[in-house]
């Protein structure tokens, strides 16, 4: 699920930006450690929440698979 979660975050950001994921202006790892996302996702408990900023947006990811951008739920990864 780690790669799926990272891909889903990138796809959600691209959706908000109105572009294809490959056309995003910046890479997610400039703003948050992808290792941190992976480590949190591997955590025994799903009671975690990670929030980080990218240009023009606030991204939030939760342990139960929710991805929110600017407070709007974009996707839920199972």
C-alpha atoms as a PDB file:
ATOM      1  CA  UNK A   1       0.000   0.000   0.000  1.00  0.00           C
ATOM      2  CA  UNK A   2       2.962   2.348   0.451  1.00  0.00           C
ATOM      3  CA  UNK A   3       3.461   2.976  -3.247  1.00  0.00           C
ATOM      4  CA  UNK A   4      -0.296   3.124  -3.730  1.00  0.00           C
ATOM      5  CA  UNK A   5      -0.599   5.810  -1.037  1.00  0.00           C
ATOM      6  CA  UNK A   6       2.212   7.905  -2.519  1.00  0.00           C
ATOM      7  CA  UNK A   7       0.765   7.565  -6.016  1.00  0.00           C
ATOM      8  CA  UNK A   8      -2.678   8.514  -4.729  1.00  0.00           C
ATOM      9  CA  UNK A   9      -1.299  11.638  -3.029  1.00  0.00           C
ATOM     10  CA  UNK A  10       0.423  12.689  -6.255  1.00  0.00           C
ATOM     11  CA  UNK A  11      -2.705  11.954  -8.324  1.00  0.00           C
ATOM     12  CA  UNK A  12      -4.835  13.989  -5.911  1.00  0.00           C
ATOM     13  CA  UNK A  13      -2.474  16.958  -6.118  1.00  0.00           C
ATOM     14  CA  UNK A  14      -2.505  16.725  -9.917  1.00  0.00           C
ATOM     15  CA  UNK A  15      -6.307  16.599  -9.933  1.00  0.00           C
ATOM     16  CA  UNK A  16      -6.531  19.810  -7.897  1.00  0.00           C
ATOM     17  CA  UNK A  17      -3.967  21.453 -10.165  1.00  0.00           C
ATOM     18  CA  UNK A  18      -5.853  20.274 -13.270  1.00  0.00           C
ATOM     19  CA  UNK A  19      -2.836  18.520 -14.772  1.00  0.00           C
ATOM     20  CA  UNK A  20      -1.535  15.017 -15.291  1.00  0.00           C
ATOM     21  CA  UNK A  21       0.678  13.727 -12.468  1.00  0.00           C
ATOM     22  CA  UNK A  22       3.702  13.794 -14.775  1.00  0.00           C
ATOM     23  CA  UNK A  23       3.041  17.492 -15.494  1.00  0.00           C
ATOM     24  CA  UNK A  24       3.208  18.703 -11.879  1.00  0.00           C
ATOM     25  CA  UNK A  25       5.565  21.650 -11.482  1.00  0.00           C
ATOM     26  CA  UNK A  26       7.286  20.218  -8.430  1.00  0.00           C
ATOM     27  CA  UNK A  27       8.031  16.892  -6.830  1.00  0.00           C
ATOM     28  CA  UNK A  28       6.375  15.862  -3.548  1.00  0.00           C
ATOM     29  CA  UNK A  29       9.722  15.019  -1.946  1.00  0.00           C
ATOM     30  CA  UNK A  30      10.659  18.720  -2.008  1.00  0.00           C
ATOM     31  CA  UNK A  31       7.972  19.332   0.623  1.00  0.00           C
ATOM     32  CA  UNK A  32       7.726  16.153   2.694  1.00  0.00           C
ATOM     33  CA  UNK A  33       9.818  13.072   3.259  1.00  0.00           C
ATOM     34  CA  UNK A  34       8.318  10.202   1.304  1.00  0.00           C
ATOM     35  CA  UNK A  35      10.103   7.939   3.800  1.00  0.00           C
ATOM     36  CA  UNK A  36       8.067   9.576   6.564  1.00  0.00           C
ATOM     37  CA  UNK A  37       4.844   8.769   4.711  1.00  0.00           C
ATOM     38  CA  UNK A  38       6.000   5.187   4.224  1.00  0.00           C
ATOM     39  CA  UNK A  39       7.013   4.828   7.877  1.00  0.00           C
ATOM     40  CA  UNK A  40       3.720   6.224   9.113  1.00  0.00           C
ATOM     41  CA  UNK A  41       1.815   3.999   6.731  1.00  0.00           C
ATOM     42  CA  UNK A  42       3.691   0.957   8.082  1.00  0.00           C
ATOM     43  CA  UNK A  43       2.838   1.932  11.657  1.00  0.00           C
ATOM     44  CA  UNK A  44       0.808  -0.616  13.622  1.00  0.00           C
ATOM     45  CA  UNK A  45      -1.895   1.915  14.371  1.00  0.00           C
ATOM     46  CA  UNK A  46      -3.831   3.920  11.823  1.00  0.00           C
ATOM     47  CA  UNK A  47      -4.390   6.798  14.248  1.00  0.00           C
ATOM     48  CA  UNK A  48      -1.937   9.170  12.611  1.00  0.00           C
ATOM     49  CA  UNK A  49      -2.322  12.314  10.553  1.00  0.00           C
ATOM     50  CA  UNK A  50       0.303  14.055   8.436  1.00  0.00           C
ATOM     51  CA  UNK A  51      -0.129  17.564   7.090  1.00  0.00           C
ATOM     52  CA  UNK A  52       2.265  19.385   4.799  1.00  0.00           C
ATOM     53  CA  UNK A  53       2.225  22.363   2.483  1.00  0.00           C
ATOM     54  CA  UNK A  54       3.000  22.486  -1.198  1.00  0.00           C
ATOM     55  CA  UNK A  55       2.752  25.657  -3.287  1.00  0.00           C
ATOM     56  CA  UNK A  56      -0.836  26.949  -3.069  1.00  0.00           C
ATOM     57  CA  UNK A  57      -2.198  23.938  -1.133  1.00  0.00           C
ATOM     58  CA  UNK A  58      -2.265  22.129   2.193  1.00  0.00           C
ATOM     59  CA  UNK A  59      -2.191  18.337   1.915  1.00  0.00           C
ATOM     60  CA  UNK A  60      -3.334  16.067   4.718  1.00  0.00           C
ATOM     61  CA  UNK A  61      -3.031  12.295   4.819  1.00  0.00           C
ATOM     62  CA  UNK A  62      -4.519  10.107   7.543  1.00  0.00           C
ATOM     63  CA  UNK A  63      -3.777   6.620   8.753  1.00  0.00           C
ATOM     64  CA  UNK A  64      -7.157   5.402   7.548  1.00  0.00           C
ATOM     65  CA  UNK A  65      -6.274   6.303   3.966  1.00  0.00           C
ATOM     66  CA  UNK A  66      -7.922   9.699   3.571  1.00  0.00           C
ATOM     67  CA  UNK A  67      -6.251  12.272   1.367  1.00  0.00           C
ATOM     68  CA  UNK A  68      -7.440  15.845   1.795  1.00  0.00           C
ATOM     69  CA  UNK A  69      -6.276  18.873  -0.110  1.00  0.00           C
ATOM     70  CA  UNK A  70      -7.210  22.248   1.306  1.00  0.00           C
ATOM     71  CA  UNK A  71      -9.607  20.424   3.636  1.00  0.00           C
ATOM     72  CA  UNK A  72     -11.508  18.659   0.839  1.00  0.00           C
ATOM     73  CA  UNK A  73     -11.421  14.876   0.788  1.00  0.00           C
ATOM     74  CA  UNK A  74     -10.003  13.800  -2.528  1.00  0.00           C
ATOM     75  CA  UNK A  75      -9.641  10.082  -2.139  1.00  0.00           C
ATOM     76  CA  UNK A  76      -9.643   7.273   0.355  1.00  0.00           C
ATOM     77  CA  UNK A  77      -7.034   4.570  -0.142  1.00  0.00           C
ATOM     78  CA  UNK A  78      -7.917   1.153   1.252  1.00  0.00           C
END
